[in-house]
């Protein structure tokens, strides 16, 4: 085990300022995610499967190594995915709690600030593995809950982009797929 006090801060990563919502309308040329292949019946299992694949990534001996300056290490990506699972589960729970009576609003979330605040680079891979396993299981269970009509209930991100429970699930599935591609998982 690595002593966190002996780790050196690798510095900041290049901020991702892209608007990734386009993946809800067309195939991602990088990771191959296709929004037309995403549907509620398979979503929960896809989340569980991705969680297992990330566990294998966390077992790599080079899990802390950044592939290039300004790019997260596999460990940092796994921390991000853990947090995204929790975030999307929470947003889905907000939509369901709104009971379709109107559009719920999501609090802002800055992934880069979360990485700095959480000191992702300093995390223990075993701890992250347990947390990610729990977060992916909880997200999968949450995305099993909506009934047919609930998939179209709305939510609004702080930048004004509108989601439904269905597109929120698709967005999460892209995050899981794309970051596995990022870490060659």
N, C-alpha and C. Protein backbone atom coordinates (compact mmCIF):
# COMPACT_ATOMS: atom_id res chain seq x y z
N UNK A 1 0.84 -1.18 0.00
CA UNK A 1 0.00 0.00 0.00
C UNK A 1 0.88 1.24 0.00
N UNK A 2 0.44 2.26 -0.72
CA UNK A 2 1.18 3.51 -0.83
C UNK A 2 0.76 4.43 0.31
N UNK A 3 1.75 5.03 0.95
CA UNK A 3 1.49 6.01 2.00
C UNK A 3 1.08 7.32 1.32
N UNK A 4 -0.16 7.79 1.52
CA UNK A 4 -0.60 9.03 0.86
C UNK A 4 0.29 10.22 1.15
N UNK A 5 0.96 10.23 2.31
CA UNK A 5 1.84 11.34 2.65
C UNK A 5 3.09 11.37 1.79
N UNK A 6 3.40 10.25 1.14
CA UNK A 6 4.58 10.18 0.29
C UNK A 6 4.27 10.48 -1.18
N UNK A 7 3.00 10.71 -1.49
CA UNK A 7 2.60 11.01 -2.86
C UNK A 7 2.83 12.49 -3.17
N UNK A 8 3.18 12.75 -4.40
CA UNK A 8 3.38 14.11 -4.86
C UNK A 8 2.19 14.53 -5.71
N UNK A 9 1.66 15.70 -5.41
CA UNK A 9 0.53 16.23 -6.18
C UNK A 9 0.96 16.36 -7.64
N UNK A 10 0.26 15.67 -8.56
CA UNK A 10 0.65 15.72 -9.97
C UNK A 10 0.23 17.01 -10.67
N UNK A 11 -0.44 17.89 -9.95
CA UNK A 11 -0.85 19.16 -10.54
C UNK A 11 -2.22 19.08 -11.18
N UNK A 12 -2.65 20.21 -11.72
CA UNK A 12 -4.00 20.27 -12.28
C UNK A 12 -4.13 19.50 -13.59
N UNK A 13 -5.36 19.15 -13.91
CA UNK A 13 -5.65 18.57 -15.21
C UNK A 13 -6.27 19.64 -16.08
N UNK A 14 -6.26 19.40 -17.36
CA UNK A 14 -6.89 20.32 -18.29
C UNK A 14 -8.40 20.23 -18.10
N UNK A 15 -9.02 21.34 -17.82
CA UNK A 15 -10.47 21.35 -17.57
C UNK A 15 -11.23 20.88 -18.81
N UNK A 16 -12.25 20.07 -18.58
CA UNK A 16 -13.12 19.62 -19.66
C UNK A 16 -14.29 20.59 -19.74
N UNK A 17 -14.27 21.43 -20.75
CA UNK A 17 -15.32 22.44 -20.89
C UNK A 17 -16.32 22.07 -21.98
N UNK A 18 -16.20 20.87 -22.51
CA UNK A 18 -17.10 20.43 -23.58
C UNK A 18 -18.51 20.21 -23.05
N UNK A 19 -19.48 20.44 -23.90
CA UNK A 19 -20.87 20.13 -23.59
C UNK A 19 -21.15 18.75 -24.18
N UNK A 20 -21.16 17.75 -23.34
CA UNK A 20 -21.29 16.36 -23.79
C UNK A 20 -22.73 15.93 -24.02
N UNK A 21 -23.69 16.83 -23.90
CA UNK A 21 -25.08 16.43 -24.06
C UNK A 21 -25.39 15.96 -25.49
N UNK A 22 -24.54 16.27 -26.45
CA UNK A 22 -24.76 15.82 -27.83
C UNK A 22 -24.78 14.30 -27.93
N UNK A 23 -24.18 13.61 -26.95
CA UNK A 23 -24.15 12.14 -27.00
C UNK A 23 -25.54 11.54 -26.81
N UNK A 24 -26.50 12.36 -26.41
CA UNK A 24 -27.87 11.86 -26.28
C UNK A 24 -28.57 11.80 -27.63
N UNK A 25 -27.95 12.39 -28.66
CA UNK A 25 -28.56 12.43 -29.99
C UNK A 25 -27.79 11.66 -31.04
N UNK A 26 -26.49 11.42 -30.80
CA UNK A 26 -25.71 10.71 -31.82
C UNK A 26 -24.58 9.91 -31.19
N UNK A 27 -24.07 8.99 -31.96
CA UNK A 27 -23.02 8.07 -31.53
C UNK A 27 -21.73 8.83 -31.18
N UNK A 28 -21.05 8.40 -30.12
CA UNK A 28 -19.77 8.98 -29.73
C UNK A 28 -18.67 8.32 -30.57
N UNK A 29 -17.93 9.11 -31.35
CA UNK A 29 -16.91 8.51 -32.21
C UNK A 29 -15.72 7.94 -31.43
N UNK A 30 -15.54 8.37 -30.20
CA UNK A 30 -14.42 7.88 -29.40
C UNK A 30 -14.72 6.52 -28.77
N UNK A 31 -15.75 6.48 -27.95
CA UNK A 31 -16.02 5.27 -27.17
C UNK A 31 -17.04 4.34 -27.82
N UNK A 32 -17.73 4.82 -28.86
CA UNK A 32 -18.71 3.99 -29.55
C UNK A 32 -20.10 3.98 -28.95
N UNK A 33 -20.30 4.72 -27.86
CA UNK A 33 -21.62 4.79 -27.24
C UNK A 33 -22.65 5.23 -28.28
N UNK A 34 -23.77 4.52 -28.31
CA UNK A 34 -24.84 4.84 -29.24
C UNK A 34 -26.13 5.05 -28.44
N UNK A 35 -26.67 6.27 -28.43
CA UNK A 35 -27.87 6.53 -27.63
C UNK A 35 -29.08 5.73 -28.08
N UNK A 36 -29.09 5.27 -29.32
CA UNK A 36 -30.21 4.46 -29.79
C UNK A 36 -30.20 3.06 -29.20
N UNK A 37 -29.08 2.66 -28.63
CA UNK A 37 -28.97 1.34 -28.01
C UNK A 37 -29.23 1.37 -26.51
N UNK A 38 -29.53 2.55 -26.01
CA UNK A 38 -29.75 2.72 -24.57
C UNK A 38 -31.24 2.68 -24.30
N UNK A 39 -31.62 1.86 -23.38
CA UNK A 39 -33.03 1.83 -23.00
C UNK A 39 -33.17 1.41 -21.56
N UNK A 40 -34.25 1.81 -20.94
CA UNK A 40 -34.46 1.48 -19.53
C UNK A 40 -34.30 0.00 -19.18
N UNK A 41 -34.76 -0.94 -20.01
CA UNK A 41 -34.65 -2.33 -19.57
C UNK A 41 -33.21 -2.80 -19.31
N UNK A 42 -32.25 -2.30 -20.09
CA UNK A 42 -30.87 -2.77 -19.97
C UNK A 42 -29.99 -1.83 -19.15
N UNK A 43 -30.51 -0.68 -18.78
CA UNK A 43 -29.69 0.34 -18.15
C UNK A 43 -29.08 -0.10 -16.82
N UNK A 44 -29.87 -0.64 -15.94
CA UNK A 44 -29.37 -1.04 -14.62
C UNK A 44 -28.26 -2.08 -14.74
N UNK A 45 -28.46 -3.05 -15.61
CA UNK A 45 -27.42 -4.08 -15.78
C UNK A 45 -26.15 -3.49 -16.37
N UNK A 46 -26.28 -2.55 -17.29
CA UNK A 46 -25.11 -1.89 -17.87
C UNK A 46 -24.33 -1.12 -16.80
N UNK A 47 -25.03 -0.50 -15.88
CA UNK A 47 -24.37 0.22 -14.78
C UNK A 47 -23.62 -0.77 -13.90
N UNK A 48 -24.26 -1.88 -13.56
CA UNK A 48 -23.59 -2.91 -12.74
C UNK A 48 -22.36 -3.47 -13.45
N UNK A 49 -22.50 -3.77 -14.74
CA UNK A 49 -21.38 -4.32 -15.51
C UNK A 49 -20.20 -3.34 -15.53
N UNK A 50 -20.49 -2.07 -15.73
CA UNK A 50 -19.42 -1.07 -15.76
C UNK A 50 -18.74 -1.00 -14.40
N UNK A 51 -19.51 -1.06 -13.34
CA UNK A 51 -18.91 -1.05 -12.00
C UNK A 51 -17.91 -2.16 -11.81
N UNK A 52 -18.21 -3.34 -12.34
CA UNK A 52 -17.28 -4.47 -12.25
C UNK A 52 -16.03 -4.24 -13.09
N UNK A 53 -16.19 -3.62 -14.24
CA UNK A 53 -15.04 -3.34 -15.09
C UNK A 53 -14.12 -2.30 -14.46
N UNK A 54 -14.70 -1.33 -13.78
CA UNK A 54 -13.86 -0.35 -13.08
C UNK A 54 -13.10 -0.99 -11.93
N UNK A 55 -13.67 -1.99 -11.29
CA UNK A 55 -12.96 -2.69 -10.22
C UNK A 55 -11.66 -3.30 -10.75
N UNK A 56 -11.70 -3.84 -11.96
CA UNK A 56 -10.49 -4.41 -12.56
C UNK A 56 -9.46 -3.31 -12.84
N UNK A 57 -9.91 -2.15 -13.27
CA UNK A 57 -9.01 -1.02 -13.53
C UNK A 57 -8.28 -0.64 -12.24
N UNK A 58 -9.01 -0.61 -11.14
CA UNK A 58 -8.42 -0.20 -9.87
C UNK A 58 -7.37 -1.18 -9.36
N UNK A 59 -7.35 -2.40 -9.89
CA UNK A 59 -6.36 -3.39 -9.49
C UNK A 59 -5.06 -3.30 -10.26
N UNK A 60 -4.97 -2.42 -11.21
CA UNK A 60 -3.75 -2.29 -12.01
C UNK A 60 -2.60 -1.69 -11.20
N UNK A 61 -1.39 -2.16 -11.45
CA UNK A 61 -0.25 -1.59 -10.72
C UNK A 61 0.04 -0.12 -11.09
N UNK A 62 -0.38 0.31 -12.27
CA UNK A 62 -0.13 1.69 -12.71
C UNK A 62 -1.35 2.59 -12.55
N UNK A 63 -2.25 2.24 -11.65
CA UNK A 63 -3.53 2.93 -11.52
C UNK A 63 -3.36 4.42 -11.19
N UNK A 64 -2.23 4.78 -10.58
CA UNK A 64 -1.99 6.19 -10.22
C UNK A 64 -1.29 6.98 -11.33
N UNK A 65 -0.81 6.31 -12.35
CA UNK A 65 0.00 6.97 -13.38
C UNK A 65 -0.88 7.71 -14.37
N UNK A 66 -0.60 8.98 -14.53
CA UNK A 66 -1.29 9.78 -15.53
C UNK A 66 -0.69 9.47 -16.91
N UNK A 67 -1.54 9.27 -17.91
CA UNK A 67 -1.02 8.94 -19.24
C UNK A 67 -0.34 10.10 -19.95
N UNK A 68 -0.65 11.31 -19.53
CA UNK A 68 -0.05 12.52 -20.10
C UNK A 68 -0.29 13.66 -19.11
N UNK A 69 0.50 14.70 -19.26
CA UNK A 69 0.31 15.87 -18.41
C UNK A 69 -1.10 16.42 -18.61
N UNK A 70 -1.75 16.75 -17.51
CA UNK A 70 -3.08 17.34 -17.60
C UNK A 70 -4.22 16.37 -17.80
N UNK A 71 -3.92 15.05 -17.75
CA UNK A 71 -4.96 14.02 -17.96
C UNK A 71 -5.03 13.17 -16.69
N UNK A 72 -6.25 12.91 -16.25
CA UNK A 72 -6.43 12.09 -15.06
C UNK A 72 -5.82 10.71 -15.21
N UNK A 73 -5.38 10.17 -14.09
CA UNK A 73 -4.95 8.78 -14.01
C UNK A 73 -6.19 7.88 -13.97
N UNK A 74 -6.03 6.58 -14.20
CA UNK A 74 -7.18 5.68 -14.04
C UNK A 74 -7.83 5.80 -12.65
N UNK A 75 -7.02 5.97 -11.62
CA UNK A 75 -7.57 6.14 -10.26
C UNK A 75 -8.45 7.38 -10.19
N UNK A 76 -7.99 8.48 -10.76
CA UNK A 76 -8.77 9.71 -10.72
C UNK A 76 -10.06 9.57 -11.52
N UNK A 77 -9.99 8.89 -12.67
CA UNK A 77 -11.22 8.62 -13.43
C UNK A 77 -12.20 7.79 -12.61
N UNK A 78 -11.69 6.81 -11.89
CA UNK A 78 -12.57 5.97 -11.07
C UNK A 78 -13.23 6.78 -9.96
N UNK A 79 -12.50 7.71 -9.37
CA UNK A 79 -13.10 8.61 -8.37
C UNK A 79 -14.21 9.43 -9.00
N UNK A 80 -13.94 9.95 -10.20
CA UNK A 80 -14.94 10.73 -10.92
C UNK A 80 -16.19 9.90 -11.20
N UNK A 81 -15.99 8.68 -11.67
CA UNK A 81 -17.13 7.81 -12.00
C UNK A 81 -17.94 7.49 -10.74
N UNK A 82 -17.26 7.25 -9.64
CA UNK A 82 -17.96 7.04 -8.36
C UNK A 82 -18.87 8.22 -8.06
N UNK A 83 -18.31 9.43 -8.20
CA UNK A 83 -19.09 10.63 -7.90
C UNK A 83 -20.22 10.85 -8.90
N UNK A 84 -19.97 10.53 -10.17
CA UNK A 84 -21.01 10.66 -11.19
C UNK A 84 -22.17 9.69 -10.92
N UNK A 85 -21.85 8.48 -10.50
CA UNK A 85 -22.91 7.52 -10.15
C UNK A 85 -23.78 8.08 -9.03
N UNK A 86 -23.13 8.64 -8.01
CA UNK A 86 -23.89 9.24 -6.90
C UNK A 86 -24.70 10.44 -7.37
N UNK A 87 -24.09 11.29 -8.18
CA UNK A 87 -24.77 12.49 -8.67
C UNK A 87 -26.00 12.13 -9.50
N UNK A 88 -25.84 11.21 -10.45
CA UNK A 88 -26.96 10.85 -11.32
C UNK A 88 -28.05 10.11 -10.57
N UNK A 89 -27.67 9.29 -9.61
CA UNK A 89 -28.68 8.64 -8.77
C UNK A 89 -29.47 9.69 -8.02
N UNK A 90 -28.77 10.67 -7.45
CA UNK A 90 -29.44 11.74 -6.72
C UNK A 90 -30.36 12.56 -7.61
N UNK A 91 -29.92 12.82 -8.82
CA UNK A 91 -30.76 13.59 -9.75
C UNK A 91 -31.99 12.79 -10.17
N UNK A 92 -31.81 11.50 -10.39
CA UNK A 92 -32.98 10.67 -10.70
C UNK A 92 -33.95 10.67 -9.52
N UNK A 93 -33.44 10.54 -8.32
CA UNK A 93 -34.31 10.57 -7.14
C UNK A 93 -35.05 11.89 -7.04
N UNK A 94 -34.41 13.01 -7.41
CA UNK A 94 -35.10 14.30 -7.44
C UNK A 94 -36.26 14.28 -8.45
N UNK A 95 -35.99 13.74 -9.63
CA UNK A 95 -37.03 13.66 -10.66
C UNK A 95 -38.21 12.85 -10.15
N UNK A 96 -37.92 11.69 -9.57
CA UNK A 96 -38.99 10.82 -9.09
C UNK A 96 -39.75 11.47 -7.93
N UNK A 97 -39.04 12.17 -7.06
CA UNK A 97 -39.70 12.85 -5.94
C UNK A 97 -40.60 13.98 -6.44
N UNK A 98 -40.25 14.56 -7.59
CA UNK A 98 -41.08 15.60 -8.18
C UNK A 98 -42.39 15.07 -8.73
N UNK A 99 -42.48 13.77 -8.88
CA UNK A 99 -43.72 13.09 -9.28
C UNK A 99 -44.33 13.62 -10.57
N UNK A 100 -43.51 14.18 -11.44
CA UNK A 100 -44.02 14.65 -12.72
C UNK A 100 -44.86 15.91 -12.65
N UNK A 101 -44.87 16.57 -11.49
CA UNK A 101 -45.70 17.77 -11.30
C UNK A 101 -45.03 19.03 -11.85
N UNK A 102 -43.85 18.90 -12.38
CA UNK A 102 -43.12 20.05 -12.90
C UNK A 102 -41.67 19.66 -13.09
N UNK A 103 -40.90 20.59 -13.59
CA UNK A 103 -39.49 20.33 -13.83
C UNK A 103 -38.69 20.59 -12.56
N UNK A 104 -37.94 19.59 -12.12
CA UNK A 104 -37.07 19.78 -10.96
C UNK A 104 -35.76 20.39 -11.45
N UNK A 105 -35.11 21.14 -10.59
CA UNK A 105 -33.84 21.79 -10.92
C UNK A 105 -32.71 21.12 -10.17
N UNK A 106 -31.65 20.83 -10.90
CA UNK A 106 -30.48 20.19 -10.31
C UNK A 106 -29.48 21.24 -9.86
N UNK A 107 -28.86 21.01 -8.73
CA UNK A 107 -27.79 21.90 -8.26
C UNK A 107 -26.59 21.78 -9.21
N UNK A 108 -25.83 22.83 -9.28
CA UNK A 108 -24.63 22.83 -10.11
C UNK A 108 -23.61 21.85 -9.54
N UNK A 109 -22.82 21.26 -10.44
CA UNK A 109 -21.73 20.37 -10.03
C UNK A 109 -20.56 20.61 -10.96
N UNK A 110 -19.42 20.91 -10.39
CA UNK A 110 -18.20 21.16 -11.15
C UNK A 110 -17.28 19.97 -10.94
N UNK A 111 -17.14 19.14 -11.96
CA UNK A 111 -16.34 17.92 -11.84
C UNK A 111 -14.88 18.22 -11.54
N UNK A 112 -14.34 19.28 -12.10
CA UNK A 112 -12.94 19.61 -11.87
C UNK A 112 -12.72 20.08 -10.43
N UNK A 113 -13.64 20.89 -9.92
CA UNK A 113 -13.55 21.34 -8.53
C UNK A 113 -13.71 20.15 -7.58
N UNK A 114 -14.59 19.22 -7.93
CA UNK A 114 -14.77 18.02 -7.09
C UNK A 114 -13.49 17.20 -7.02
N UNK A 115 -12.78 17.11 -8.13
CA UNK A 115 -11.53 16.34 -8.17
C UNK A 115 -10.46 16.99 -7.30
N UNK A 116 -10.39 18.31 -7.35
CA UNK A 116 -9.40 19.03 -6.54
C UNK A 116 -9.77 18.92 -5.06
N UNK A 117 -11.04 19.19 -4.76
CA UNK A 117 -11.52 19.15 -3.38
C UNK A 117 -11.36 17.74 -2.79
N UNK A 118 -11.67 16.74 -3.60
CA UNK A 118 -11.58 15.36 -3.13
C UNK A 118 -10.18 14.77 -3.21
N UNK A 119 -9.24 15.55 -3.74
CA UNK A 119 -7.86 15.08 -3.89
C UNK A 119 -7.84 13.66 -4.47
N UNK A 120 -8.50 13.52 -5.59
CA UNK A 120 -8.62 12.21 -6.25
C UNK A 120 -7.27 11.51 -6.38
N UNK A 121 -6.25 12.26 -6.74
CA UNK A 121 -4.92 11.69 -6.99
C UNK A 121 -4.35 10.99 -5.77
N UNK A 122 -4.83 11.35 -4.61
CA UNK A 122 -4.29 10.83 -3.35
C UNK A 122 -5.10 9.66 -2.79
N UNK A 123 -6.14 9.28 -3.48
CA UNK A 123 -7.08 8.26 -2.99
C UNK A 123 -6.44 6.88 -2.91
N UNK A 124 -7.00 6.07 -2.05
CA UNK A 124 -6.59 4.67 -1.91
C UNK A 124 -7.43 3.85 -2.88
N UNK A 125 -6.80 3.16 -3.83
CA UNK A 125 -7.57 2.39 -4.82
C UNK A 125 -8.53 1.37 -4.20
N UNK A 126 -8.15 0.76 -3.10
CA UNK A 126 -9.04 -0.23 -2.47
C UNK A 126 -10.29 0.45 -1.91
N UNK A 127 -10.11 1.61 -1.31
CA UNK A 127 -11.25 2.36 -0.77
C UNK A 127 -12.14 2.83 -1.91
N UNK A 128 -11.52 3.36 -2.96
CA UNK A 128 -12.29 3.82 -4.11
C UNK A 128 -13.05 2.65 -4.73
N UNK A 129 -12.41 1.48 -4.78
CA UNK A 129 -13.09 0.30 -5.32
C UNK A 129 -14.36 -0.03 -4.56
N UNK A 130 -14.28 -0.01 -3.24
CA UNK A 130 -15.47 -0.29 -2.43
C UNK A 130 -16.52 0.79 -2.61
N UNK A 131 -16.09 2.04 -2.64
CA UNK A 131 -17.04 3.14 -2.81
C UNK A 131 -17.68 3.12 -4.20
N UNK A 132 -16.90 2.83 -5.22
CA UNK A 132 -17.42 2.77 -6.58
C UNK A 132 -18.38 1.60 -6.74
N UNK A 133 -18.05 0.48 -6.13
CA UNK A 133 -18.96 -0.68 -6.19
C UNK A 133 -20.31 -0.31 -5.56
N UNK A 134 -20.26 0.33 -4.41
CA UNK A 134 -21.50 0.75 -3.75
C UNK A 134 -22.27 1.78 -4.55
N UNK A 135 -21.55 2.75 -5.12
CA UNK A 135 -22.20 3.81 -5.90
C UNK A 135 -22.83 3.26 -7.17
N UNK A 136 -22.15 2.33 -7.84
CA UNK A 136 -22.72 1.77 -9.07
C UNK A 136 -23.92 0.87 -8.75
N UNK A 137 -23.85 0.12 -7.66
CA UNK A 137 -25.01 -0.70 -7.26
C UNK A 137 -26.20 0.19 -6.92
N UNK A 138 -25.96 1.26 -6.18
CA UNK A 138 -27.05 2.18 -5.80
C UNK A 138 -27.63 2.86 -7.03
N UNK A 139 -26.78 3.27 -7.96
CA UNK A 139 -27.28 3.91 -9.19
C UNK A 139 -28.09 2.90 -10.00
N UNK A 140 -27.60 1.68 -10.12
CA UNK A 140 -28.34 0.65 -10.87
C UNK A 140 -29.71 0.41 -10.23
N UNK A 141 -29.74 0.30 -8.92
CA UNK A 141 -31.02 0.09 -8.23
C UNK A 141 -31.97 1.26 -8.45
N UNK A 142 -31.44 2.47 -8.43
CA UNK A 142 -32.28 3.64 -8.65
C UNK A 142 -32.87 3.64 -10.06
N UNK A 143 -32.06 3.25 -11.05
CA UNK A 143 -32.55 3.27 -12.43
C UNK A 143 -33.43 2.06 -12.75
N UNK A 144 -33.61 1.18 -11.79
CA UNK A 144 -34.61 0.10 -11.95
C UNK A 144 -35.98 0.56 -11.48
N UNK A 145 -36.06 1.64 -10.73
CA UNK A 145 -37.30 2.08 -10.10
C UNK A 145 -38.35 2.71 -11.01
N UNK A 146 -37.96 3.56 -11.97
CA UNK A 146 -39.02 4.28 -12.70
C UNK A 146 -39.98 3.35 -13.44
N UNK A 147 -41.26 3.66 -13.34
CA UNK A 147 -42.28 2.96 -14.11
C UNK A 147 -42.32 3.61 -15.50
N UNK A 148 -43.03 3.02 -16.40
CA UNK A 148 -43.05 3.44 -17.81
C UNK A 148 -43.20 4.95 -17.99
N UNK A 149 -44.22 5.56 -17.43
CA UNK A 149 -44.46 6.98 -17.63
C UNK A 149 -43.47 7.88 -16.93
N UNK A 150 -42.82 7.38 -15.91
CA UNK A 150 -41.88 8.19 -15.14
C UNK A 150 -40.59 8.48 -15.91
N UNK A 151 -40.28 7.71 -16.91
CA UNK A 151 -39.05 7.92 -17.68
C UNK A 151 -39.06 9.26 -18.40
N UNK A 152 -40.24 9.85 -18.60
CA UNK A 152 -40.32 11.12 -19.31
C UNK A 152 -40.46 12.33 -18.37
N UNK A 153 -40.41 12.11 -17.07
CA UNK A 153 -40.49 13.22 -16.13
C UNK A 153 -39.23 14.07 -16.26
N UNK A 154 -39.38 15.41 -16.17
CA UNK A 154 -38.26 16.31 -16.48
C UNK A 154 -37.42 16.77 -15.29
N UNK A 155 -36.18 17.11 -15.64
CA UNK A 155 -35.24 17.75 -14.72
C UNK A 155 -34.42 18.75 -15.51
N UNK A 156 -33.93 19.76 -14.84
CA UNK A 156 -33.20 20.83 -15.52
C UNK A 156 -31.84 21.03 -14.85
N UNK A 157 -30.78 20.92 -15.66
CA UNK A 157 -29.44 21.16 -15.16
C UNK A 157 -29.23 22.67 -15.01
N UNK A 158 -28.28 23.06 -14.18
CA UNK A 158 -28.07 24.48 -13.88
C UNK A 158 -27.70 25.32 -15.10
N UNK A 159 -27.20 24.69 -16.15
CA UNK A 159 -26.88 25.44 -17.37
C UNK A 159 -28.07 25.56 -18.31
N UNK A 160 -29.22 25.04 -17.88
CA UNK A 160 -30.44 25.15 -18.67
C UNK A 160 -30.74 23.95 -19.54
N UNK A 161 -29.87 22.94 -19.55
CA UNK A 161 -30.14 21.76 -20.37
C UNK A 161 -31.18 20.90 -19.68
N UNK A 162 -32.21 20.53 -20.44
CA UNK A 162 -33.28 19.71 -19.91
C UNK A 162 -33.03 18.23 -20.10
N UNK A 163 -33.25 17.49 -19.05
CA UNK A 163 -33.14 16.04 -19.07
C UNK A 163 -34.50 15.45 -18.73
N UNK A 164 -34.66 14.18 -19.02
CA UNK A 164 -35.74 13.37 -18.47
C UNK A 164 -35.05 12.25 -17.71
N UNK A 165 -35.81 11.47 -17.00
CA UNK A 165 -35.20 10.32 -16.32
C UNK A 165 -34.50 9.44 -17.36
N UNK A 166 -35.10 9.27 -18.53
CA UNK A 166 -34.52 8.44 -19.59
C UNK A 166 -33.19 9.00 -20.09
N UNK A 167 -33.15 10.31 -20.41
CA UNK A 167 -31.91 10.87 -20.95
C UNK A 167 -30.84 10.99 -19.86
N UNK A 168 -31.25 11.15 -18.62
CA UNK A 168 -30.30 11.15 -17.51
C UNK A 168 -29.61 9.79 -17.44
N UNK A 169 -30.39 8.72 -17.60
CA UNK A 169 -29.82 7.38 -17.62
C UNK A 169 -28.88 7.18 -18.80
N UNK A 170 -29.25 7.71 -19.96
CA UNK A 170 -28.38 7.62 -21.13
C UNK A 170 -27.09 8.39 -20.93
N UNK A 171 -27.19 9.54 -20.31
CA UNK A 171 -26.01 10.36 -20.05
C UNK A 171 -25.06 9.63 -19.09
N UNK A 172 -25.63 9.01 -18.06
CA UNK A 172 -24.81 8.23 -17.13
C UNK A 172 -24.15 7.07 -17.85
N UNK A 173 -24.90 6.39 -18.68
CA UNK A 173 -24.33 5.25 -19.39
C UNK A 173 -23.18 5.70 -20.30
N UNK A 174 -23.31 6.85 -20.94
CA UNK A 174 -22.19 7.36 -21.74
C UNK A 174 -20.99 7.66 -20.85
N UNK A 175 -21.20 8.30 -19.73
CA UNK A 175 -20.09 8.58 -18.81
C UNK A 175 -19.34 7.30 -18.46
N UNK A 176 -20.09 6.27 -18.11
CA UNK A 176 -19.47 4.99 -17.73
C UNK A 176 -18.70 4.39 -18.91
N UNK A 177 -19.31 4.40 -20.07
CA UNK A 177 -18.69 3.83 -21.27
C UNK A 177 -17.48 4.63 -21.70
N UNK A 178 -17.62 5.94 -21.73
CA UNK A 178 -16.54 6.79 -22.23
C UNK A 178 -15.32 6.73 -21.31
N UNK A 179 -15.53 6.75 -20.01
CA UNK A 179 -14.38 6.74 -19.11
C UNK A 179 -13.72 5.36 -19.08
N UNK A 180 -14.46 4.30 -19.34
CA UNK A 180 -13.79 2.99 -19.53
C UNK A 180 -12.89 3.06 -20.75
N UNK A 181 -13.36 3.72 -21.79
CA UNK A 181 -12.53 3.92 -22.99
C UNK A 181 -11.30 4.76 -22.63
N UNK A 182 -11.49 5.82 -21.83
CA UNK A 182 -10.38 6.67 -21.42
C UNK A 182 -9.28 5.88 -20.72
N UNK A 183 -9.68 4.94 -19.86
CA UNK A 183 -8.71 4.20 -19.06
C UNK A 183 -8.36 2.84 -19.67
N UNK A 184 -8.85 2.60 -20.86
CA UNK A 184 -8.61 1.32 -21.57
C UNK A 184 -9.12 0.14 -20.75
N UNK A 185 -10.31 0.35 -20.16
CA UNK A 185 -10.89 -0.67 -19.30
C UNK A 185 -11.79 -1.57 -20.06
